Amino acid sequence: MSETIQLSEGYYEWLRAHSRDGETMEETLRRVTGGPHPESVAGLLTDEEAATAKAAAADLRGRSGRLDAAREALDDS
């Protein structure tokens, strides 16, 4: 399950600027806000739910990579 949050463009850009290489937006938010460490929430999902979540995250990372490549191509032109 995922939720959508609304951020101002300025705050979103600030977060993006503070994102580390390969870090998802969620990971950036957890890091800068001191959110719960993944070990703190371990065991909340069944094995099946965890597998589904991992597959969804991998799919999103693949999409993100394509978007990053497109951004870089536009920045280079």
N, C-alpha and C. Protein backbone atom coordinates (compact mmCIF):
# COMPACT_ATOMS: atom_id res chain seq x y z
N MET A 1 0.84 -1.17 0.00
CA MET A 1 0.00 0.00 0.00
C MET A 1 0.89 1.24 0.00
N SER A 2 0.47 2.26 -0.70
CA SER A 2 1.20 3.52 -0.68
C SER A 2 0.20 4.65 -0.55
N GLU A 3 0.68 5.75 -0.06
CA GLU A 3 -0.13 6.96 0.11
C GLU A 3 0.51 8.08 -0.68
N THR A 4 -0.27 9.04 -1.02
CA THR A 4 0.22 10.21 -1.74
C THR A 4 0.23 11.38 -0.78
N ILE A 5 1.30 12.16 -0.80
CA ILE A 5 1.36 13.37 0.01
C ILE A 5 1.58 14.56 -0.92
N GLN A 6 1.12 15.71 -0.51
CA GLN A 6 1.27 16.91 -1.32
C GLN A 6 2.37 17.77 -0.72
N LEU A 7 3.32 18.15 -1.57
CA LEU A 7 4.43 19.00 -1.16
C LEU A 7 4.48 20.22 -2.06
N SER A 8 4.95 21.31 -1.52
CA SER A 8 5.15 22.47 -2.39
C SER A 8 6.29 22.14 -3.35
N GLU A 9 6.32 22.79 -4.48
CA GLU A 9 7.38 22.54 -5.46
C GLU A 9 8.75 22.86 -4.86
N GLY A 10 8.81 23.93 -4.09
CA GLY A 10 10.07 24.32 -3.48
C GLY A 10 10.60 23.27 -2.52
N TYR A 11 9.71 22.72 -1.68
CA TYR A 11 10.15 21.70 -0.72
C TYR A 11 10.53 20.41 -1.44
N TYR A 12 9.77 20.06 -2.46
CA TYR A 12 10.10 18.87 -3.24
C TYR A 12 11.49 19.00 -3.86
N GLU A 13 11.77 20.16 -4.44
CA GLU A 13 13.08 20.38 -5.06
C GLU A 13 14.19 20.34 -4.01
N TRP A 14 13.91 20.88 -2.81
CA TRP A 14 14.90 20.82 -1.73
C TRP A 14 15.18 19.37 -1.36
N LEU A 15 14.12 18.57 -1.21
CA LEU A 15 14.32 17.15 -0.90
C LEU A 15 15.11 16.46 -1.99
N ARG A 16 14.76 16.71 -3.23
CA ARG A 16 15.46 16.10 -4.35
C ARG A 16 16.93 16.48 -4.35
N ALA A 17 17.21 17.74 -4.02
CA ALA A 17 18.60 18.20 -3.99
C ALA A 17 19.39 17.52 -2.87
N HIS A 18 18.71 17.11 -1.81
CA HIS A 18 19.37 16.46 -0.68
C HIS A 18 19.31 14.93 -0.74
N SER A 19 18.78 14.42 -1.82
CA SER A 19 18.71 12.97 -2.02
C SER A 19 20.08 12.45 -2.42
N ARG A 20 20.45 11.32 -1.85
CA ARG A 20 21.73 10.70 -2.20
C ARG A 20 21.54 9.80 -3.41
N ASP A 21 22.65 9.52 -4.11
CA ASP A 21 22.59 8.65 -5.29
C ASP A 21 21.92 7.33 -4.95
N GLY A 22 20.95 6.94 -5.75
CA GLY A 22 20.28 5.66 -5.58
C GLY A 22 19.25 5.65 -4.47
N GLU A 23 19.04 6.76 -3.81
CA GLU A 23 18.11 6.83 -2.69
C GLU A 23 16.71 7.17 -3.22
N THR A 24 15.71 6.45 -2.72
CA THR A 24 14.33 6.76 -3.10
C THR A 24 13.88 8.00 -2.33
N MET A 25 12.78 8.60 -2.77
CA MET A 25 12.26 9.76 -2.07
C MET A 25 11.86 9.37 -0.64
N GLU A 26 11.32 8.19 -0.46
CA GLU A 26 10.97 7.74 0.89
C GLU A 26 12.22 7.64 1.76
N GLU A 27 13.29 7.08 1.21
CA GLU A 27 14.53 6.97 1.98
C GLU A 27 15.08 8.35 2.35
N THR A 28 14.97 9.30 1.42
CA THR A 28 15.41 10.66 1.71
C THR A 28 14.58 11.26 2.84
N LEU A 29 13.26 11.10 2.75
CA LEU A 29 12.38 11.64 3.79
C LEU A 29 12.66 10.99 5.14
N ARG A 30 12.86 9.68 5.15
CA ARG A 30 13.16 8.99 6.41
C ARG A 30 14.47 9.55 7.01
N ARG A 31 15.45 9.74 6.16
CA ARG A 31 16.75 10.21 6.63
C ARG A 31 16.66 11.63 7.18
N VAL A 32 16.03 12.54 6.44
CA VAL A 32 16.01 13.93 6.87
C VAL A 32 15.02 14.20 8.00
N THR A 33 14.02 13.34 8.15
CA THR A 33 13.04 13.54 9.23
C THR A 33 13.30 12.64 10.42
N GLY A 34 14.25 11.72 10.29
CA GLY A 34 14.50 10.81 11.40
C GLY A 34 13.41 9.77 11.53
N GLY A 35 12.79 9.41 10.40
CA GLY A 35 11.71 8.43 10.40
C GLY A 35 12.18 7.07 10.87
N PRO A 36 11.26 6.14 11.06
CA PRO A 36 11.64 4.83 11.61
C PRO A 36 12.59 4.09 10.68
N HIS A 37 13.56 3.46 11.29
CA HIS A 37 14.50 2.62 10.55
C HIS A 37 13.76 1.35 10.16
N PRO A 38 14.06 0.80 8.97
CA PRO A 38 13.37 -0.42 8.55
C PRO A 38 13.40 -1.55 9.58
N GLU A 39 14.47 -1.65 10.35
CA GLU A 39 14.53 -2.70 11.37
C GLU A 39 13.47 -2.50 12.44
N SER A 40 13.04 -1.27 12.64
CA SER A 40 12.03 -0.97 13.65
C SER A 40 10.66 -1.49 13.27
N VAL A 41 10.44 -1.68 11.98
CA VAL A 41 9.13 -2.13 11.52
C VAL A 41 9.18 -3.55 10.94
N ALA A 42 10.33 -4.20 11.13
CA ALA A 42 10.48 -5.58 10.63
C ALA A 42 9.43 -6.48 11.27
N GLY A 43 8.88 -7.37 10.48
CA GLY A 43 7.90 -8.33 10.98
C GLY A 43 6.46 -7.86 10.88
N LEU A 44 6.25 -6.64 10.39
CA LEU A 44 4.88 -6.15 10.27
C LEU A 44 4.14 -6.76 9.08
N LEU A 45 4.90 -7.21 8.09
CA LEU A 45 4.30 -7.80 6.89
C LEU A 45 4.51 -9.31 6.88
N THR A 46 3.56 -10.01 6.28
CA THR A 46 3.77 -11.44 6.05
C THR A 46 4.82 -11.58 4.96
N ASP A 47 5.34 -12.78 4.78
CA ASP A 47 6.32 -13.01 3.71
C ASP A 47 5.73 -12.67 2.35
N GLU A 48 4.46 -13.02 2.15
CA GLU A 48 3.80 -12.74 0.87
C GLU A 48 3.65 -11.23 0.66
N GLU A 49 3.24 -10.50 1.70
CA GLU A 49 3.10 -9.05 1.59
C GLU A 49 4.46 -8.40 1.33
N ALA A 50 5.49 -8.89 1.98
CA ALA A 50 6.84 -8.34 1.78
C ALA A 50 7.30 -8.57 0.36
N ALA A 51 7.05 -9.76 -0.18
CA ALA A 51 7.45 -10.06 -1.56
C ALA A 51 6.72 -9.15 -2.55
N THR A 52 5.44 -8.92 -2.31
CA THR A 52 4.67 -8.02 -3.17
C THR A 52 5.22 -6.60 -3.10
N ALA A 53 5.54 -6.14 -1.89
CA ALA A 53 6.09 -4.80 -1.71
C ALA A 53 7.44 -4.67 -2.40
N LYS A 54 8.29 -5.68 -2.27
CA LYS A 54 9.61 -5.64 -2.92
C LYS A 54 9.47 -5.58 -4.43
N ALA A 55 8.54 -6.36 -4.98
CA ALA A 55 8.33 -6.36 -6.43
C ALA A 55 7.84 -4.99 -6.90
N ALA A 56 6.93 -4.38 -6.14
CA ALA A 56 6.41 -3.06 -6.50
C ALA A 56 7.52 -2.01 -6.42
N ALA A 57 8.36 -2.09 -5.39
CA ALA A 57 9.47 -1.14 -5.26
C ALA A 57 10.45 -1.28 -6.41
N ALA A 58 10.75 -2.51 -6.79
CA ALA A 58 11.67 -2.75 -7.91
C ALA A 58 11.09 -2.19 -9.20
N ASP A 59 9.79 -2.35 -9.39
CA ASP A 59 9.14 -1.81 -10.58
C ASP A 59 9.24 -0.28 -10.60
N LEU A 60 8.99 0.34 -9.44
CA LEU A 60 9.08 1.80 -9.37
C LEU A 60 10.50 2.29 -9.59
N ARG A 61 11.48 1.57 -9.05
CA ARG A 61 12.87 1.97 -9.27
C ARG A 61 13.21 1.92 -10.75
N GLY A 62 12.71 0.92 -11.45
CA GLY A 62 12.94 0.82 -12.89
C GLY A 62 12.35 2.00 -13.63
N ARG A 63 11.17 2.41 -13.23
CA ARG A 63 10.53 3.57 -13.85
C ARG A 63 11.31 4.83 -13.53
N SER A 64 11.76 4.94 -12.29
CA SER A 64 12.52 6.11 -11.86
C SER A 64 13.80 6.23 -12.67
N GLY A 65 14.46 5.11 -12.94
CA GLY A 65 15.69 5.12 -13.72
C GLY A 65 15.47 5.67 -15.11
N ARG A 66 14.35 5.32 -15.71
CA ARG A 66 14.04 5.83 -17.04
C ARG A 66 13.78 7.34 -16.98
N LEU A 67 13.10 7.79 -15.93
CA LEU A 67 12.85 9.22 -15.78
C LEU A 67 14.15 9.98 -15.55
N ASP A 68 15.04 9.41 -14.76
CA ASP A 68 16.33 10.06 -14.51
C ASP A 68 17.13 10.18 -15.81
N ALA A 69 17.10 9.13 -16.62
CA ALA A 69 17.81 9.17 -17.90
C ALA A 69 17.23 10.24 -18.82
N ALA A 70 15.92 10.37 -18.80
CA ALA A 70 15.28 11.40 -19.62
C ALA A 70 15.65 12.79 -19.13
N ARG A 71 15.66 12.98 -17.80
CA ARG A 71 16.06 14.28 -17.23
C ARG A 71 17.48 14.62 -17.63
N GLU A 72 18.39 13.65 -17.53
CA GLU A 72 19.78 13.88 -17.87
C GLU A 72 19.93 14.23 -19.34
N ALA A 73 19.18 13.54 -20.19
CA ALA A 73 19.25 13.83 -21.62
C ALA A 73 18.79 15.25 -21.90
N LEU A 74 17.73 15.68 -21.21
CA LEU A 74 17.23 17.04 -21.42
C LEU A 74 18.22 18.07 -20.86
N ASP A 75 18.83 17.76 -19.72
CA ASP A 75 19.80 18.68 -19.14
C ASP A 75 21.03 18.84 -20.02
N ASP A 76 21.42 17.76 -20.70
CA ASP A 76 22.61 17.79 -21.56
C ASP A 76 22.38 18.54 -22.86
N SER A 77 21.11 18.70 -23.25
CA SER A 77 20.84 19.36 -24.53
C SER A 77 20.72 20.86 -24.41
